[in-house]
Amino acid sequence: MMRIAVCDDDAVTRAYLIALIEKQNIDCEIAEFDSAQGYLADGRGFDIIFLDIEMSEGKGTGVELARKIRANMRNQPIIIFVTGYDKYVYDAFDVEAFQYLLKPVEEQKFAQVLQRAVKKIIAEKNAGETLMIRYANSKKAIPTGSIYYIESRNHKVILHLNDGELEYYAKIGELERQLQRSFFRIHKGYLINMFYIDSYTKTDVLLTSGDRLLISKYKYSDFVKAYLRFLKRGLADE
């Protein structure tokens, strides 16, 4: 289960951010803190922290807390700053903040940022997974995280990778069974890596690589369910 922290000295803001997180239907545990000291005293490791940069006197600043997290903590969460001021943007870069959200936080923007953060965590967790293939009379290990999508063509498959293409003899149906944890077959000819989905409609899927692929009308309903499960799963082991 993913752990998400909300650290802000304003109770109304904390409640609003928690409500936005809960709307995303992510399998997570949410903790709230009204000060930097409260977060540090908790001791739990968090995957994501929504952090107010400028809190009232005595509560500690978000930048100070972020620096302590980066310098001293074993567990390094994704830090998303939430603030009413844009003058701190360079401080956010210094502590490797993932995103900088301005108050009042817009719901759609929040959802996009949280979805990207969850995908990043899933990708890091699955970074060691590989697909073993037989290529040029030898076995070759392909990191699944390097595959945008797999295309079936003339009894062969083409792996569309982040550094080119690789074509070899295989059945896309067998790959579909092997890679079902994070891939989905949207069409008889396409098996996509759900991590790289940018957006989708009822007729096609746009990947972050820029590729736009047709989705079968018979696959659309199952695809949406699978993609929501993929996002909801987060860090949960299967």
Protein backbone atom coordinates (compact mmCIF):
# COMPACT_ATOMS: atom_id res chain seq x y z
CA MET A 1 0.00 0.00 0.00
CA MET A 2 1.22 3.47 -0.87
CA ARG A 3 1.72 6.01 1.93
CA ILE A 4 0.91 9.66 1.27
CA ALA A 5 1.50 12.54 3.71
CA VAL A 6 -0.09 15.98 3.71
CA CYS A 7 1.84 18.57 5.72
CA ASP A 8 0.20 21.99 6.00
CA ASP A 9 -0.53 24.18 9.01
CA ASP A 10 -4.00 25.05 7.66
CA ALA A 11 -6.65 22.43 8.54
CA VAL A 12 -8.95 23.47 5.68
CA THR A 13 -6.17 23.03 3.13
CA ARG A 14 -5.24 19.64 4.56
CA ALA A 15 -8.85 18.47 4.35
CA TYR A 16 -9.14 19.69 0.76
CA LEU A 17 -5.95 17.95 -0.37
CA ILE A 18 -6.95 14.72 1.37
CA ALA A 19 -10.33 14.85 -0.37
CA LEU A 20 -8.58 15.25 -3.74
CA ILE A 21 -6.33 12.27 -3.03
CA GLU A 22 -9.31 10.11 -2.04
CA LYS A 23 -11.07 11.01 -5.30
CA GLN A 24 -8.26 9.32 -7.26
CA ASN A 25 -9.18 5.88 -5.90
CA ILE A 26 -5.56 4.96 -5.14
CA ASP A 27 -4.81 2.13 -2.73
CA CYS A 28 -3.09 4.27 -0.10
CA GLU A 29 -2.77 5.29 3.53
CA ILE A 30 -3.02 9.04 4.12
CA ALA A 31 -1.48 10.85 7.11
CA GLU A 32 -1.79 14.55 7.89
CA PHE A 33 0.58 16.84 9.79
CA ASP A 34 0.25 20.49 10.80
CA SER A 35 3.99 21.08 11.23
CA ALA A 36 7.41 19.96 10.04
CA GLN A 37 8.14 18.71 13.55
CA GLY A 38 5.07 16.49 13.46
CA TYR A 39 6.18 14.87 10.23
CA LEU A 40 9.71 14.23 11.50
CA ALA A 41 8.42 12.78 14.78
CA ASP A 42 6.13 10.30 13.03
CA GLY A 43 8.93 8.06 11.83
CA ARG A 44 7.01 6.28 9.08
CA GLY A 45 8.34 6.15 5.56
CA PHE A 46 6.15 7.93 3.00
CA ASP A 47 6.07 7.57 -0.77
CA ILE A 48 4.63 11.01 -1.51
CA ILE A 49 4.40 14.17 0.59
CA PHE A 50 2.29 17.23 -0.27
CA LEU A 51 4.16 19.95 1.57
CA ASP A 52 3.28 23.57 2.31
CA ILE A 53 6.34 25.75 1.79
CA GLU A 54 5.50 28.61 4.13
CA MET A 55 3.85 27.63 7.42
CA SER A 56 3.12 29.87 10.42
CA GLU A 57 5.84 30.74 12.91
CA GLY A 58 6.98 27.81 15.00
CA LYS A 59 5.68 25.19 12.53
CA GLY A 60 8.89 25.02 10.50
CA THR A 61 9.08 25.79 6.78
CA GLY A 62 8.45 23.28 4.06
CA VAL A 63 11.85 23.97 2.48
CA GLU A 64 13.62 23.26 5.78
CA LEU A 65 11.72 19.99 6.15
CA ALA A 66 12.50 19.00 2.56
CA ARG A 67 16.21 19.62 3.14
CA LYS A 68 16.17 17.43 6.24
CA ILE A 69 14.36 14.70 4.33
CA ARG A 70 16.90 14.79 1.51
CA ALA A 71 19.90 14.93 3.86
CA ASN A 72 18.99 12.53 6.64
CA MET A 73 16.17 10.15 5.78
CA ARG A 74 16.62 6.70 4.31
CA ASN A 75 13.18 6.74 2.71
CA GLN A 76 13.07 9.46 0.08
CA PRO A 77 9.50 10.46 -0.81
CA ILE A 78 8.36 12.31 -3.88
CA ILE A 79 7.99 15.90 -2.67
CA ILE A 80 5.18 18.01 -4.13
CA PHE A 81 5.15 21.57 -2.83
CA VAL A 82 1.80 23.28 -2.34
CA THR A 83 2.02 27.02 -1.76
CA GLY A 84 0.36 30.35 -2.30
CA TYR A 85 3.62 31.93 -3.46
CA ASP A 86 5.64 31.36 -6.61
CA LYS A 87 8.81 33.00 -5.24
CA TYR A 88 10.01 29.69 -3.82
CA VAL A 89 10.27 27.85 -7.11
CA TYR A 90 14.08 27.84 -7.07
CA ASP A 91 14.11 26.42 -3.54
CA ALA A 92 11.92 23.62 -4.87
CA PHE A 93 14.58 22.76 -7.46
CA ASP A 94 17.27 22.69 -4.76
CA VAL A 95 15.51 19.89 -2.88
CA GLU A 96 14.54 17.97 -6.03
CA ALA A 97 10.82 18.61 -5.70
CA PHE A 98 8.70 16.65 -8.15
CA GLN A 99 6.17 19.43 -8.72
CA TYR A 100 5.17 22.88 -7.48
CA LEU A 101 1.41 23.49 -7.11
CA LEU A 102 0.04 26.96 -6.48
CA LYS A 103 -2.92 27.57 -4.17
CA PRO A 104 -5.80 27.48 -4.72
CA VAL A 105 -5.01 24.03 -6.10
CA GLU A 106 -6.97 23.21 -9.25
CA GLU A 107 -8.50 19.73 -9.07
CA GLN A 108 -7.60 18.57 -12.59
CA LYS A 109 -4.00 19.74 -12.25
CA PHE A 110 -3.75 17.98 -8.88
CA ALA A 111 -5.04 14.73 -10.38
CA GLN A 112 -2.51 14.90 -13.23
CA VAL A 113 0.41 15.50 -10.87
CA LEU A 114 -0.62 12.73 -8.48
CA GLN A 115 -1.07 10.28 -11.36
CA ARG A 116 2.42 11.09 -12.66
CA ALA A 117 3.87 10.61 -9.18
CA VAL A 118 2.18 7.22 -8.79
CA LYS A 119 3.44 6.12 -12.21
CA LYS A 120 6.98 7.15 -11.24
CA ILE A 121 6.81 5.04 -8.09
CA ILE A 122 5.43 2.04 -9.98
CA ALA A 123 8.17 2.38 -12.62
CA GLU A 124 10.91 2.49 -9.97
CA LYS A 125 9.44 -0.55 -8.25
CA ASN A 126 9.34 -2.50 -11.51
CA ALA A 127 12.69 -1.24 -12.79
CA GLY A 128 14.34 -4.61 -12.31
CA GLU A 129 11.76 -6.60 -14.30
CA THR A 130 12.95 -8.00 -17.60
CA LEU A 131 11.56 -9.81 -20.63
CA MET A 132 13.76 -12.71 -21.78
CA ILE A 133 13.69 -13.17 -25.54
CA ARG A 134 15.53 -15.32 -28.07
CA TYR A 135 17.26 -13.01 -30.54
CA ALA A 136 20.03 -13.75 -33.03
CA ASN A 137 20.47 -17.30 -31.72
CA SER A 138 20.97 -16.16 -28.14
CA LYS A 139 18.97 -15.07 -25.14
CA LYS A 140 18.58 -11.36 -24.48
CA ALA A 141 17.13 -9.61 -21.41
CA ILE A 142 14.99 -6.54 -22.19
CA PRO A 143 14.00 -4.28 -19.26
CA THR A 144 10.21 -4.03 -19.43
CA GLY A 145 10.46 -0.38 -18.44
CA SER A 146 12.22 0.34 -21.75
CA ILE A 147 9.28 -0.94 -23.85
CA TYR A 148 6.67 1.59 -25.00
CA TYR A 149 4.59 -1.00 -26.84
CA ILE A 150 4.79 -4.27 -28.73
CA GLU A 151 3.48 -4.63 -32.27
CA SER A 152 2.53 -7.87 -34.00
CA ARG A 153 3.35 -8.11 -37.70
CA ASN A 154 3.77 -11.10 -40.07
CA HIS A 155 4.44 -13.77 -37.43
CA LYS A 156 6.95 -11.48 -35.73
CA VAL A 157 6.74 -8.92 -32.95
CA ILE A 158 8.39 -5.52 -32.88
CA LEU A 159 9.44 -4.11 -29.52
CA HIS A 160 9.19 -0.33 -29.69
CA LEU A 161 11.83 0.72 -27.17
CA ASN A 162 12.99 4.03 -25.80
CA ASP A 163 16.20 3.61 -27.80
CA GLY A 164 14.91 2.09 -31.04
CA GLU A 165 13.15 -1.06 -32.27
CA LEU A 166 13.82 -4.77 -32.00
CA GLU A 167 12.11 -7.36 -34.21
CA TYR A 168 12.05 -11.10 -33.60
CA TYR A 169 9.86 -14.20 -33.96
CA ALA A 170 7.28 -14.51 -31.17
CA LYS A 171 3.54 -14.62 -30.55
CA ILE A 172 1.96 -11.51 -29.10
CA GLY A 173 -0.54 -13.66 -27.21
CA GLU A 174 2.26 -15.31 -25.24
CA LEU A 175 3.78 -11.92 -24.44
CA GLU A 176 0.36 -10.70 -23.32
CA ARG A 177 0.24 -13.48 -20.71
CA GLN A 178 3.82 -12.85 -19.56
CA LEU A 179 3.43 -9.08 -19.21
CA GLN A 180 -0.13 -8.80 -17.91
CA ARG A 181 0.93 -7.01 -14.72
CA SER A 182 1.69 -3.72 -16.47
CA PHE A 183 0.83 -4.25 -20.17
CA PHE A 184 -2.55 -4.42 -21.91
CA ARG A 185 -3.52 -5.61 -25.39
CA ILE A 186 -5.66 -2.80 -26.77
CA HIS A 187 -5.88 -4.31 -30.26
CA LYS A 188 -4.97 -7.63 -31.88
CA GLY A 189 -1.79 -5.95 -33.11
CA TYR A 190 -0.79 -3.82 -30.11
CA LEU A 191 0.30 -4.62 -26.56
CA ILE A 192 1.03 -1.39 -24.67
CA ASN A 193 2.97 -0.58 -21.52
CA MET A 194 0.40 1.17 -19.30
CA PHE A 195 3.11 3.18 -17.57
CA TYR A 196 3.59 5.18 -20.79
CA ILE A 197 -0.06 6.10 -21.34
CA ASP A 198 -0.43 9.86 -21.76
CA SER A 199 -4.17 9.95 -22.53
CA TYR A 200 -6.85 7.89 -24.23
CA THR A 201 -10.23 8.12 -25.95
CA LYS A 202 -12.69 5.44 -27.01
CA THR A 203 -10.82 5.07 -30.30
CA ASP A 204 -7.11 5.43 -29.53
CA VAL A 205 -4.38 5.64 -26.89
CA LEU A 206 -1.67 8.31 -26.91
CA LEU A 207 1.65 7.22 -25.40
CA THR A 208 4.26 9.54 -23.91
CA SER A 209 6.52 8.54 -26.81
CA GLY A 210 4.12 10.38 -29.13
CA ASP A 211 2.75 7.19 -30.70
CA ARG A 212 -1.02 7.12 -31.14
CA LEU A 213 -2.45 3.59 -31.39
CA LEU A 214 -5.90 2.34 -32.29
CA ILE A 215 -7.93 0.68 -29.56
CA SER A 216 -10.48 -1.98 -30.45
CA LYS A 217 -14.04 -1.08 -29.48
CA TYR A 218 -14.31 -4.57 -28.01
CA LYS A 219 -11.28 -3.92 -25.78
CA TYR A 220 -12.14 -0.43 -24.52
CA SER A 221 -14.17 -1.36 -21.41
CA ASP A 222 -11.65 -3.94 -20.20
CA PHE A 223 -8.78 -1.56 -20.97
CA VAL A 224 -10.22 1.20 -18.77
CA LYS A 225 -10.73 -1.25 -15.89
CA ALA A 226 -7.19 -2.62 -16.26
CA TYR A 227 -5.66 0.86 -16.39
CA LEU A 228 -7.51 1.98 -13.25
CA ARG A 229 -6.35 -1.17 -11.46
CA PHE A 230 -2.80 -0.44 -12.61
CA LEU A 231 -2.91 3.07 -11.14
CA LYS A 232 -4.69 1.97 -7.97
CA ARG A 233 -2.24 -0.82 -7.30
CA GLY A 234 0.58 1.61 -6.60
CA LEU A 235 3.15 -0.16 -4.49
CA ALA A 236 0.96 -3.08 -3.50
CA ASP A 237 2.49 -6.46 -4.29
CA GLU A 238 0.48 -8.89 -6.37
